[in-house]
Amino acid sequence: MGGSMKYDRNKIEIGHYLSKTNIHLRDDNVKIAFGDEFDITDVLKNNQVEILYHHKNYTFDKDILENAIIALSH
């Protein structure tokens, strides 16, 4: 178990993010457009994250967000 821990900019954690694609959450009929900013407010169990977008909270599957967002701040 050696090696250096390198910072993973695609790691999903609490912070402020920018969408680099259109993200659609069919359950709540929510669409985050390319270039929109939002916050991940909690990383939940079951591969879910809670986000704050336009002053509302939504739960997203982490897999949907993984390659679709850029971290602006953690």
PDB file of N, CA and C in Angstrom:
ATOM      1  N   MET A   1       0.835  -1.199   0.000  1.00  0.00           N
ATOM      2  CA  MET A   1       0.000   0.000   0.000  1.00  0.00           C
ATOM      3  C   MET A   1       0.875   1.256   0.000  1.00  0.00           C
ATOM      4  N   GLY A   2       1.493   1.518  -1.093  1.00  0.00           N
ATOM      5  CA  GLY A   2       2.331   2.707  -1.170  1.00  0.00           C
ATOM      6  C   GLY A   2       1.793   3.647  -2.224  1.00  0.00           C
ATOM      7  N   GLY A   3       2.637   4.522  -2.690  1.00  0.00           N
ATOM      8  CA  GLY A   3       2.227   5.446  -3.744  1.00  0.00           C
ATOM      9  C   GLY A   3       1.736   6.759  -3.171  1.00  0.00           C
ATOM     10  N   SER A   4       1.749   7.752  -3.997  1.00  0.00           N
ATOM     11  CA  SER A   4       1.319   9.067  -3.528  1.00  0.00           C
ATOM     12  C   SER A   4      -0.161   9.258  -3.824  1.00  0.00           C
ATOM     13  N   MET A   5      -0.812   9.955  -2.940  1.00  0.00           N
ATOM     14  CA  MET A   5      -2.227  10.278  -3.142  1.00  0.00           C
ATOM     15  C   MET A   5      -2.278  11.533  -3.998  1.00  0.00           C
ATOM     16  N   LYS A   6      -2.746  11.381  -5.213  1.00  0.00           N
ATOM     17  CA  LYS A   6      -2.842  12.587  -6.034  1.00  0.00           C
ATOM     18  C   LYS A   6      -4.275  13.119  -5.978  1.00  0.00           C
ATOM     19  N   TYR A   7      -4.392  14.413  -6.079  1.00  0.00           N
ATOM     20  CA  TYR A   7      -5.705  15.038  -6.001  1.00  0.00           C
ATOM     21  C   TYR A   7      -6.524  14.645  -7.222  1.00  0.00           C
ATOM     22  N   ASP A   8      -7.714  14.171  -6.979  1.00  0.00           N
ATOM     23  CA  ASP A   8      -8.602  13.747  -8.061  1.00  0.00           C
ATOM     24  C   ASP A   8      -9.652  14.828  -8.276  1.00  0.00           C
ATOM     25  N   ARG A   9      -9.522  15.579  -9.343  1.00  0.00           N
ATOM     26  CA  ARG A   9     -10.455  16.695  -9.557  1.00  0.00           C
ATOM     27  C   ARG A   9     -11.848  16.234  -9.949  1.00  0.00           C
ATOM     28  N   ASN A  10     -11.991  14.957 -10.270  1.00  0.00           N
ATOM     29  CA  ASN A  10     -13.319  14.434 -10.579  1.00  0.00           C
ATOM     30  C   ASN A  10     -13.986  13.789  -9.372  1.00  0.00           C
ATOM     31  N   LYS A  11     -13.294  13.793  -8.242  1.00  0.00           N
ATOM     32  CA  LYS A  11     -13.865  13.177  -7.053  1.00  0.00           C
ATOM     33  C   LYS A  11     -15.084  13.980  -6.611  1.00  0.00           C
ATOM     34  N   ILE A  12     -16.130  13.271  -6.297  1.00  0.00           N
ATOM     35  CA  ILE A  12     -17.367  13.924  -5.882  1.00  0.00           C
ATOM     36  C   ILE A  12     -17.318  14.143  -4.377  1.00  0.00           C
ATOM     37  N   GLU A  13     -17.299  15.399  -3.968  1.00  0.00           N
ATOM     38  CA  GLU A  13     -17.362  15.720  -2.551  1.00  0.00           C
ATOM     39  C   GLU A  13     -18.102  17.035  -2.372  1.00  0.00           C
ATOM     40  N   ILE A  14     -18.320  17.403  -1.133  1.00  0.00           N
ATOM     41  CA  ILE A  14     -19.049  18.637  -0.843  1.00  0.00           C
ATOM     42  C   ILE A  14     -18.261  19.820  -1.406  1.00  0.00           C
ATOM     43  N   GLY A  15     -18.952  20.688  -2.127  1.00  0.00           N
ATOM     44  CA  GLY A  15     -18.294  21.842  -2.714  1.00  0.00           C
ATOM     45  C   GLY A  15     -19.155  22.498  -3.781  1.00  0.00           C
ATOM     46  N   HIS A  16     -18.546  23.425  -4.496  1.00  0.00           N
ATOM     47  CA  HIS A  16     -19.231  24.209  -5.525  1.00  0.00           C
ATOM     48  C   HIS A  16     -18.767  23.702  -6.891  1.00  0.00           C
ATOM     49  N   TYR A  17     -19.715  23.455  -7.785  1.00  0.00           N
ATOM     50  CA  TYR A  17     -19.408  22.802  -9.061  1.00  0.00           C
ATOM     51  C   TYR A  17     -20.006  23.536 -10.250  1.00  0.00           C
ATOM     52  N   LEU A  18     -19.433  23.264 -11.401  1.00  0.00           N
ATOM     53  CA  LEU A  18     -19.902  23.780 -12.683  1.00  0.00           C
ATOM     54  C   LEU A  18     -20.240  22.576 -13.555  1.00  0.00           C
ATOM     55  N   SER A  19     -21.380  22.638 -14.200  1.00  0.00           N
ATOM     56  CA  SER A  19     -21.776  21.553 -15.095  1.00  0.00           C
ATOM     57  C   SER A  19     -21.081  21.724 -16.441  1.00  0.00           C
ATOM     58  N   LYS A  20     -20.444  20.658 -16.933  1.00  0.00           N
ATOM     59  CA  LYS A  20     -19.805  20.746 -18.252  1.00  0.00           C
ATOM     60  C   LYS A  20     -20.618  20.031 -19.325  1.00  0.00           C
ATOM     61  N   THR A  21     -21.845  19.699 -18.982  1.00  0.00           N
ATOM     62  CA  THR A  21     -22.768  19.092 -19.937  1.00  0.00           C
ATOM     63  C   THR A  21     -24.188  19.331 -19.428  1.00  0.00           C
ATOM     64  N   ASN A  22     -25.182  18.921 -20.177  1.00  0.00           N
ATOM     65  CA  ASN A  22     -26.554  18.979 -19.672  1.00  0.00           C
ATOM     66  C   ASN A  22     -26.805  17.727 -18.842  1.00  0.00           C
ATOM     67  N   ILE A  23     -27.283  17.920 -17.621  1.00  0.00           N
ATOM     68  CA  ILE A  23     -27.554  16.801 -16.720  1.00  0.00           C
ATOM     69  C   ILE A  23     -29.051  16.765 -16.477  1.00  0.00           C
ATOM     70  N   HIS A  24     -29.639  15.611 -16.656  1.00  0.00           N
ATOM     71  CA  HIS A  24     -31.081  15.485 -16.478  1.00  0.00           C
ATOM     72  C   HIS A  24     -31.383  14.474 -15.391  1.00  0.00           C
ATOM     73  N   LEU A  25     -32.177  14.887 -14.424  1.00  0.00           N
ATOM     74  CA  LEU A  25     -32.624  13.988 -13.362  1.00  0.00           C
ATOM     75  C   LEU A  25     -34.095  13.718 -13.596  1.00  0.00           C
ATOM     76  N   ARG A  26     -34.397  12.550 -14.104  1.00  0.00           N
ATOM     77  CA  ARG A  26     -35.775  12.286 -14.534  1.00  0.00           C
ATOM     78  C   ARG A  26     -36.757  12.210 -13.373  1.00  0.00           C
ATOM     79  N   ASP A  27     -36.304  11.764 -12.194  1.00  0.00           N
ATOM     80  CA  ASP A  27     -37.222  11.607 -11.062  1.00  0.00           C
ATOM     81  C   ASP A  27     -37.912  12.918 -10.688  1.00  0.00           C
ATOM     82  N   ASP A  28     -37.127  13.979 -10.605  1.00  0.00           N
ATOM     83  CA  ASP A  28     -37.685  15.281 -10.228  1.00  0.00           C
ATOM     84  C   ASP A  28     -37.886  16.177 -11.434  1.00  0.00           C
ATOM     85  N   ASN A  29     -37.634  15.648 -12.625  1.00  0.00           N
ATOM     86  CA  ASN A  29     -37.741  16.428 -13.848  1.00  0.00           C
ATOM     87  C   ASN A  29     -36.892  17.697 -13.772  1.00  0.00           C
ATOM     88  N   VAL A  30     -35.666  17.531 -13.313  1.00  0.00           N
ATOM     89  CA  VAL A  30     -34.742  18.650 -13.152  1.00  0.00           C
ATOM     90  C   VAL A  30     -33.678  18.558 -14.233  1.00  0.00           C
ATOM     91  N   LYS A  31     -33.390  19.689 -14.840  1.00  0.00           N
ATOM     92  CA  LYS A  31     -32.327  19.723 -15.835  1.00  0.00           C
ATOM     93  C   LYS A  31     -31.314  20.785 -15.425  1.00  0.00           C
ATOM     94  N   ILE A  32     -30.068  20.366 -15.291  1.00  0.00           N
ATOM     95  CA  ILE A  32     -28.980  21.308 -15.043  1.00  0.00           C
ATOM     96  C   ILE A  32     -28.312  21.521 -16.393  1.00  0.00           C
ATOM     97  N   ALA A  33     -28.279  22.751 -16.846  1.00  0.00           N
ATOM     98  CA  ALA A  33     -27.755  23.049 -18.178  1.00  0.00           C
ATOM     99  C   ALA A  33     -26.238  23.214 -18.153  1.00  0.00           C
ATOM    100  N   PHE A  34     -25.636  23.055 -19.311  1.00  0.00           N
ATOM    101  CA  PHE A  34     -24.202  23.292 -19.473  1.00  0.00           C
ATOM    102  C   PHE A  34     -23.858  24.681 -18.941  1.00  0.00           C
ATOM    103  N   GLY A  35     -22.845  24.764 -18.094  1.00  0.00           N
ATOM    104  CA  GLY A  35     -22.407  26.051 -17.567  1.00  0.00           C
ATOM    105  C   GLY A  35     -23.091  26.483 -16.285  1.00  0.00           C
ATOM    106  N   ASP A  36     -24.118  25.753 -15.864  1.00  0.00           N
ATOM    107  CA  ASP A  36     -24.785  26.095 -14.605  1.00  0.00           C
ATOM    108  C   ASP A  36     -23.897  25.731 -13.420  1.00  0.00           C
ATOM    109  N   GLU A  37     -24.028  26.509 -12.355  1.00  0.00           N
ATOM    110  CA  GLU A  37     -23.291  26.227 -11.130  1.00  0.00           C
ATOM    111  C   GLU A  37     -24.254  25.726 -10.068  1.00  0.00           C
ATOM    112  N   PHE A  38     -23.752  24.850  -9.214  1.00  0.00           N
ATOM    113  CA  PHE A  38     -24.562  24.317  -8.119  1.00  0.00           C
ATOM    114  C   PHE A  38     -23.635  23.822  -7.024  1.00  0.00           C
ATOM    115  N   ASP A  39     -24.208  23.514  -5.884  1.00  0.00           N
ATOM    116  CA  ASP A  39     -23.431  23.017  -4.752  1.00  0.00           C
ATOM    117  C   ASP A  39     -23.796  21.580  -4.441  1.00  0.00           C
ATOM    118  N   ILE A  40     -22.787  20.772  -4.151  1.00  0.00           N
ATOM    119  CA  ILE A  40     -23.037  19.463  -3.554  1.00  0.00           C
ATOM    120  C   ILE A  40     -22.990  19.699  -2.054  1.00  0.00           C
ATOM    121  N   THR A  41     -24.119  19.440  -1.391  1.00  0.00           N
ATOM    122  CA  THR A  41     -24.231  19.743   0.037  1.00  0.00           C
ATOM    123  C   THR A  41     -24.011  18.528   0.916  1.00  0.00           C
ATOM    124  N   ASP A  42     -24.139  17.330   0.352  1.00  0.00           N
ATOM    125  CA  ASP A  42     -23.943  16.124   1.147  1.00  0.00           C
ATOM    126  C   ASP A  42     -23.646  14.945   0.233  1.00  0.00           C
ATOM    127  N   VAL A  43     -22.750  14.090   0.678  1.00  0.00           N
ATOM    128  CA  VAL A  43     -22.485  12.834  -0.019  1.00  0.00           C
ATOM    129  C   VAL A  43     -23.152  11.748   0.810  1.00  0.00           C
ATOM    130  N   LEU A  44     -24.146  11.104   0.223  1.00  0.00           N
ATOM    131  CA  LEU A  44     -24.973  10.142   0.942  1.00  0.00           C
ATOM    132  C   LEU A  44     -24.509   8.717   0.676  1.00  0.00           C
ATOM    133  N   LYS A  45     -25.092   7.797   1.423  1.00  0.00           N
ATOM    134  CA  LYS A  45     -24.822   6.382   1.156  1.00  0.00           C
ATOM    135  C   LYS A  45     -25.552   5.997  -0.132  1.00  0.00           C
ATOM    136  N   ASN A  46     -25.407   4.774  -0.554  1.00  0.00           N
ATOM    137  CA  ASN A  46     -26.070   4.262  -1.766  1.00  0.00           C
ATOM    138  C   ASN A  46     -25.678   5.039  -3.014  1.00  0.00           C
ATOM    139  N   ASN A  47     -24.456   5.574  -3.026  1.00  0.00           N
ATOM    140  CA  ASN A  47     -23.960   6.230  -4.234  1.00  0.00           C
ATOM    141  C   ASN A  47     -24.771   7.468  -4.627  1.00  0.00           C
ATOM    142  N   GLN A  48     -25.326   8.161  -3.653  1.00  0.00           N
ATOM    143  CA  GLN A  48     -26.145   9.345  -3.918  1.00  0.00           C
ATOM    144  C   GLN A  48     -25.460  10.595  -3.369  1.00  0.00           C
ATOM    145  N   VAL A  49     -25.758  11.719  -3.980  1.00  0.00           N
ATOM    146  CA  VAL A  49     -25.319  13.012  -3.459  1.00  0.00           C
ATOM    147  C   VAL A  49     -26.512  13.950  -3.421  1.00  0.00           C
ATOM    148  N   GLU A  50     -26.476  14.865  -2.479  1.00  0.00           N
ATOM    149  CA  GLU A  50     -27.522  15.876  -2.394  1.00  0.00           C
ATOM    150  C   GLU A  50     -26.948  17.163  -2.953  1.00  0.00           C
ATOM    151  N   ILE A  51     -27.696  17.790  -3.837  1.00  0.00           N
ATOM    152  CA  ILE A  51     -27.225  19.049  -4.403  1.00  0.00           C
ATOM    153  C   ILE A  51     -28.217  20.169  -4.117  1.00  0.00           C
ATOM    154  N   LEU A  52     -27.686  21.378  -4.118  1.00  0.00           N
ATOM    155  CA  LEU A  52     -28.499  22.581  -3.971  1.00  0.00           C
ATOM    156  C   LEU A  52     -28.401  23.322  -5.300  1.00  0.00           C
ATOM    157  N   TYR A  53     -29.552  23.468  -5.949  1.00  0.00           N
ATOM    158  CA  TYR A  53     -29.603  24.072  -7.279  1.00  0.00           C
ATOM    159  C   TYR A  53     -30.812  24.990  -7.328  1.00  0.00           C
ATOM    160  N   HIS A  54     -30.593  26.261  -7.600  1.00  0.00           N
ATOM    161  CA  HIS A  54     -31.666  27.269  -7.590  1.00  0.00           C
ATOM    162  C   HIS A  54     -32.466  27.216  -6.285  1.00  0.00           C
ATOM    163  N   HIS A  55     -31.751  27.157  -5.174  1.00  0.00           N
ATOM    164  CA  HIS A  55     -32.338  27.198  -3.823  1.00  0.00           C
ATOM    165  C   HIS A  55     -33.222  26.003  -3.488  1.00  0.00           C
ATOM    166  N   LYS A  56     -33.070  24.910  -4.221  1.00  0.00           N
ATOM    167  CA  LYS A  56     -33.821  23.688  -3.915  1.00  0.00           C
ATOM    168  C   LYS A  56     -32.851  22.529  -3.815  1.00  0.00           C
ATOM    169  N   ASN A  57     -33.183  21.573  -2.962  1.00  0.00           N
ATOM    170  CA  ASN A  57     -32.343  20.392  -2.801  1.00  0.00           C
ATOM    171  C   ASN A  57     -32.848  19.243  -3.658  1.00  0.00           C
ATOM    172  N   TYR A  58     -31.917  18.541  -4.264  1.00  0.00           N
ATOM    173  CA  TYR A  58     -32.228  17.364  -5.070  1.00  0.00           C
ATOM    174  C   TYR A  58     -31.227  16.270  -4.737  1.00  0.00           C
ATOM    175  N   THR A  59     -31.653  15.031  -4.914  1.00  0.00           N
ATOM    176  CA  THR A  59     -30.747  13.906  -4.729  1.00  0.00           C
ATOM    177  C   THR A  59     -30.425  13.321  -6.095  1.00  0.00           C
ATOM    178  N   PHE A  60     -29.146  13.225  -6.386  1.00  0.00           N
ATOM    179  CA  PHE A  60     -28.670  12.692  -7.656  1.00  0.00           C
ATOM    180  C   PHE A  60     -27.876  11.425  -7.422  1.00  0.00           C
ATOM    181  N   ASP A  61     -27.890  10.561  -8.398  1.00  0.00           N
ATOM    182  CA  ASP A  61     -27.007   9.404  -8.403  1.00  0.00           C
ATOM    183  C   ASP A  61     -25.603   9.911  -8.734  1.00  0.00           C
ATOM    184  N   LYS A  62     -24.640   9.539  -7.933  1.00  0.00           N
ATOM    185  CA  LYS A  62     -23.270  10.005  -8.116  1.00  0.00           C
ATOM    186  C   LYS A  62     -22.738   9.692  -9.516  1.00  0.00           C
ATOM    187  N   ASP A  63     -23.121   8.546 -10.063  1.00  0.00           N
ATOM    188  CA  ASP A  63     -22.635   8.136 -11.386  1.00  0.00           C
ATOM    189  C   ASP A  63     -23.037   9.118 -12.485  1.00  0.00           C
ATOM    190  N   ILE A  64     -24.199   9.730 -12.332  1.00  0.00           N
ATOM    191  CA  ILE A  64     -24.677  10.698 -13.327  1.00  0.00           C
ATOM    192  C   ILE A  64     -23.751  11.913 -13.354  1.00  0.00           C
ATOM    193  N   LEU A  65     -23.277  12.317 -12.180  1.00  0.00           N
ATOM    194  CA  LEU A  65     -22.474  13.528 -12.079  1.00  0.00           C
ATOM    195  C   LEU A  65     -20.998  13.319 -12.388  1.00  0.00           C
ATOM    196  N   GLU A  66     -20.539  12.086 -12.233  1.00  0.00           N
ATOM    197  CA  GLU A  66     -19.102  11.832 -12.201  1.00  0.00           C
ATOM    198  C   GLU A  66     -18.282  12.504 -13.301  1.00  0.00           C
ATOM    199  N   ASN A  67     -18.655  12.363 -14.548  1.00  0.00           N
ATOM    200  CA  ASN A  67     -17.868  12.960 -15.628  1.00  0.00           C
ATOM    201  C   ASN A  67     -18.529  14.198 -16.218  1.00  0.00           C
ATOM    202  N   ALA A  68     -19.516  14.723 -15.513  1.00  0.00           N
ATOM    203  CA  ALA A  68     -20.302  15.823 -16.067  1.00  0.00           C
ATOM    204  C   ALA A  68     -20.073  17.151 -15.352  1.00  0.00           C
ATOM    205  N   ILE A  69     -19.195  17.144 -14.336  1.00  0.00           N
ATOM    206  CA  ILE A  69     -19.023  18.368 -13.553  1.00  0.00           C
ATOM    207  C   ILE A  69     -17.549  18.693 -13.337  1.00  0.00           C
ATOM    208  N   ILE A  70     -17.307  19.959 -13.049  1.00  0.00           N
ATOM    209  CA  ILE A  70     -15.962  20.448 -12.738  1.00  0.00           C
ATOM    210  C   ILE A  70     -16.043  21.116 -11.369  1.00  0.00           C
ATOM    211  N   ALA A  71     -15.131  20.761 -10.489  1.00  0.00           N
ATOM    212  CA  ALA A  71     -15.105  21.373  -9.156  1.00  0.00           C
ATOM    213  C   ALA A  71     -14.571  22.797  -9.259  1.00  0.00           C
ATOM    214  N   LEU A  72     -15.314  23.738  -8.698  1.00  0.00           N
ATOM    215  CA  LEU A  72     -14.850  25.123  -8.637  1.00  0.00           C
ATOM    216  C   LEU A  72     -14.207  25.398  -7.290  1.00  0.00           C
ATOM    217  N   SER A  73     -14.745  24.780  -6.248  1.00  0.00           N
ATOM    218  CA  SER A  73     -14.142  24.893  -4.916  1.00  0.00           C
ATOM    219  C   SER A  73     -14.617  23.748  -4.045  1.00  0.00           C
ATOM    220  N   HIS A  74     -13.768  23.378  -3.105  1.00  0.00           N
ATOM    221  CA  HIS A  74     -14.119  22.314  -2.156  1.00  0.00           C
ATOM    222  C   HIS A  74     -14.079  22.884  -0.765  1.00  0.00           C
TER     223      HIS A  74
END
